[in-house]
Amino acid sequence: MNRAERIETALAAAIELAHLEILDESGNHSVPEGAESHFKVVAVADEFAAQTRIARHRRINGLLQNEFDGGMHALAVHAYSHEEWQARFGTAPLSPPCAGGAGAS
């Protein structure tokens, strides 16, 4: 499992997400190819409505502490409540990542 998949698994297990994007931005930095060191997370969840921006960042960073311990150097966090997402982008959040598919039982 690569780092992006581990990030998705950790966040989805702890937060009921309406939308999640994980982007590996390592290629934009001076790191070896395949470093998986710089990421951006865009997350939309109801629980963020009751949290300050710093509390949201702390929550996500805490859930991903193992990734930081394992070599992740930087994480850009963009965490929104549903209302903030809609006000900012004017549309409903996208569907969360698929947890299965036609072949899943």
C-alpha atoms as a PDB file:
ATOM      1  CA  MET A   1       0.000   0.000   0.000  1.00  0.00           C
ATOM      2  CA  ASN A   2       1.486   3.390  -0.932  1.00  0.00           C
ATOM      3  CA  ARG A   3       1.423   6.457   1.318  1.00  0.00           C
ATOM      4  CA  ALA A   4      -1.622   8.036  -0.376  1.00  0.00           C
ATOM      5  CA  GLU A   5      -3.594   4.826   0.196  1.00  0.00           C
ATOM      6  CA  ARG A   6      -2.496   4.700   3.840  1.00  0.00           C
ATOM      7  CA  ILE A   7      -3.545   8.338   4.302  1.00  0.00           C
ATOM      8  CA  GLU A   8      -6.959   7.588   2.790  1.00  0.00           C
ATOM      9  CA  THR A   9      -7.407   4.514   4.982  1.00  0.00           C
ATOM     10  CA  ALA A  10      -6.432   6.334   8.185  1.00  0.00           C
ATOM     11  CA  LEU A  11      -8.671   9.344   7.564  1.00  0.00           C
ATOM     12  CA  ALA A  12     -11.676   7.347   6.330  1.00  0.00           C
ATOM     13  CA  ALA A  13     -11.497   5.061   9.381  1.00  0.00           C
ATOM     14  CA  ALA A  14     -11.624   7.978  11.827  1.00  0.00           C
ATOM     15  CA  ILE A  15     -13.713  10.679  10.125  1.00  0.00           C
ATOM     16  CA  GLU A  16     -17.043  10.387   8.313  1.00  0.00           C
ATOM     17  CA  LEU A  17     -15.976  12.126   5.123  1.00  0.00           C
ATOM     18  CA  ALA A  18     -18.268  13.508   2.455  1.00  0.00           C
ATOM     19  CA  HIS A  19     -15.291  14.221   0.207  1.00  0.00           C
ATOM     20  CA  LEU A  20     -11.596  13.370   0.288  1.00  0.00           C
ATOM     21  CA  GLU A  21      -8.804  14.201  -2.121  1.00  0.00           C
ATOM     22  CA  ILE A  22      -5.213  13.152  -1.558  1.00  0.00           C
ATOM     23  CA  LEU A  23      -2.567  14.557  -3.861  1.00  0.00           C
ATOM     24  CA  ASP A  24       1.077  13.509  -3.872  1.00  0.00           C
ATOM     25  CA  GLU A  25       2.892  16.786  -4.513  1.00  0.00           C
ATOM     26  CA  SER A  26       6.373  15.332  -4.028  1.00  0.00           C
ATOM     27  CA  GLY A  27       7.197  15.862  -7.701  1.00  0.00           C
ATOM     28  CA  ASN A  28       6.954  19.628  -7.142  1.00  0.00           C
ATOM     29  CA  HIS A  29       9.842  19.522  -4.651  1.00  0.00           C
ATOM     30  CA  SER A  30      13.532  18.684  -4.733  1.00  0.00           C
ATOM     31  CA  VAL A  31      13.193  15.085  -3.594  1.00  0.00           C
ATOM     32  CA  PRO A  32      14.096  11.791  -5.249  1.00  0.00           C
ATOM     33  CA  GLU A  33      11.516  10.296  -7.607  1.00  0.00           C
ATOM     34  CA  GLY A  34       9.003   8.188  -5.702  1.00  0.00           C
ATOM     35  CA  ALA A  35       9.807   9.890  -2.374  1.00  0.00           C
ATOM     36  CA  GLU A  36       6.138  10.227  -1.286  1.00  0.00           C
ATOM     37  CA  SER A  37       7.172  13.057   1.031  1.00  0.00           C
ATOM     38  CA  HIS A  38       4.813  15.985   0.271  1.00  0.00           C
ATOM     39  CA  PHE A  39       1.024  15.635   0.230  1.00  0.00           C
ATOM     40  CA  LYS A  40      -2.121  17.729   0.098  1.00  0.00           C
ATOM     41  CA  VAL A  41      -5.375  16.602   1.692  1.00  0.00           C
ATOM     42  CA  VAL A  42      -8.757  18.151   0.911  1.00  0.00           C
ATOM     43  CA  ALA A  43     -11.381  16.836   3.321  1.00  0.00           C
ATOM     44  CA  VAL A  44     -15.043  17.697   3.841  1.00  0.00           C
ATOM     45  CA  ALA A  45     -16.818  16.452   6.959  1.00  0.00           C
ATOM     46  CA  ASP A  46     -19.654  17.494   9.258  1.00  0.00           C
ATOM     47  CA  GLU A  47     -17.399  17.231  12.309  1.00  0.00           C
ATOM     48  CA  PHE A  48     -15.314  20.153  11.037  1.00  0.00           C
ATOM     49  CA  ALA A  49     -18.237  22.560  11.512  1.00  0.00           C
ATOM     50  CA  ALA A  50     -17.646  22.585  15.278  1.00  0.00           C
ATOM     51  CA  GLN A  51     -13.849  22.910  15.017  1.00  0.00           C
ATOM     52  CA  THR A  52     -11.495  25.788  14.435  1.00  0.00           C
ATOM     53  CA  ARG A  53      -9.128  25.572  11.504  1.00  0.00           C
ATOM     54  CA  ILE A  54      -6.204  24.749  13.791  1.00  0.00           C
ATOM     55  CA  ALA A  55      -8.249  22.009  15.505  1.00  0.00           C
ATOM     56  CA  ARG A  56      -9.007  20.469  12.099  1.00  0.00           C
ATOM     57  CA  HIS A  57      -5.317  20.503  11.192  1.00  0.00           C
ATOM     58  CA  ARG A  58      -4.356  18.992  14.539  1.00  0.00           C
ATOM     59  CA  ARG A  59      -6.970  16.248  14.114  1.00  0.00           C
ATOM     60  CA  ILE A  60      -5.744  15.277  10.653  1.00  0.00           C
ATOM     61  CA  ASN A  61      -2.058  15.589  11.567  1.00  0.00           C
ATOM     62  CA  GLY A  62      -2.646  13.444  14.648  1.00  0.00           C
ATOM     63  CA  LEU A  63      -4.346  10.741  12.602  1.00  0.00           C
ATOM     64  CA  LEU A  64      -1.364  10.733  10.245  1.00  0.00           C
ATOM     65  CA  GLN A  65       1.409  10.813  12.851  1.00  0.00           C
ATOM     66  CA  ASN A  66       2.666   7.394  11.708  1.00  0.00           C
ATOM     67  CA  GLU A  67       3.183   8.801   8.213  1.00  0.00           C
ATOM     68  CA  PHE A  68       5.196  11.725   9.575  1.00  0.00           C
ATOM     69  CA  ASP A  69       7.219   9.281  11.677  1.00  0.00           C
ATOM     70  CA  GLY A  70       7.754   7.192   8.530  1.00  0.00           C
ATOM     71  CA  GLY A  71       9.195   9.988   6.415  1.00  0.00           C
ATOM     72  CA  MET A  72       6.351  12.208   5.233  1.00  0.00           C
ATOM     73  CA  HIS A  73       7.865  15.687   5.279  1.00  0.00           C
ATOM     74  CA  ALA A  74       4.935  17.998   4.547  1.00  0.00           C
ATOM     75  CA  LEU A  75       1.143  17.921   4.547  1.00  0.00           C
ATOM     76  CA  ALA A  76      -1.057  20.736   3.260  1.00  0.00           C
ATOM     77  CA  VAL A  77      -4.460  20.416   4.925  1.00  0.00           C
ATOM     78  CA  HIS A  78      -7.629  21.910   3.473  1.00  0.00           C
ATOM     79  CA  ALA A  79     -10.469  20.844   5.765  1.00  0.00           C
ATOM     80  CA  TYR A  80     -14.001  22.162   5.322  1.00  0.00           C
ATOM     81  CA  SER A  81     -17.462  21.696   6.773  1.00  0.00           C
ATOM     82  CA  HIS A  82     -20.231  21.058   4.206  1.00  0.00           C
ATOM     83  CA  GLU A  83     -21.380  24.663   4.479  1.00  0.00           C
ATOM     84  CA  GLU A  84     -17.887  26.059   3.943  1.00  0.00           C
ATOM     85  CA  TRP A  85     -17.332  23.785   0.947  1.00  0.00           C
ATOM     86  CA  GLN A  86     -20.598  24.868  -0.651  1.00  0.00           C
ATOM     87  CA  ALA A  87     -19.964  28.566   0.041  1.00  0.00           C
ATOM     88  CA  ARG A  88     -16.456  28.347  -1.357  1.00  0.00           C
ATOM     89  CA  PHE A  89     -17.096  26.190  -4.404  1.00  0.00           C
ATOM     90  CA  GLY A  90     -20.840  26.603  -4.958  1.00  0.00           C
ATOM     91  CA  THR A  91     -21.623  22.925  -5.314  1.00  0.00           C
ATOM     92  CA  ALA A  92     -22.204  19.930  -3.143  1.00  0.00           C
ATOM     93  CA  PRO A  93     -19.120  17.882  -2.255  1.00  0.00           C
ATOM     94  CA  LEU A  94     -18.173  15.036  -4.530  1.00  0.00           C
ATOM     95  CA  SER A  95     -18.827  11.465  -3.502  1.00  0.00           C
ATOM     96  CA  PRO A  96     -16.258   9.878  -1.201  1.00  0.00           C
ATOM     97  CA  PRO A  97     -13.840   7.303  -2.622  1.00  0.00           C
ATOM     98  CA  CYS A  98     -15.394   3.950  -3.494  1.00  0.00           C
ATOM     99  CA  ALA A  99     -15.064   1.369  -0.765  1.00  0.00           C
ATOM    100  CA  GLY A 100     -15.752  -1.574  -3.011  1.00  0.00           C
ATOM    101  CA  GLY A 101     -17.414  -2.052  -6.319  1.00  0.00           C
ATOM    102  CA  ALA A 102     -19.287  -4.573  -8.353  1.00  0.00           C
ATOM    103  CA  GLY A 103     -16.868  -7.303  -7.301  1.00  0.00           C
ATOM    104  CA  ALA A 104     -17.054  -6.528  -3.581  1.00  0.00           C
ATOM    105  CA  SER A 105     -19.264  -8.665  -1.426  1.00  0.00           C
END
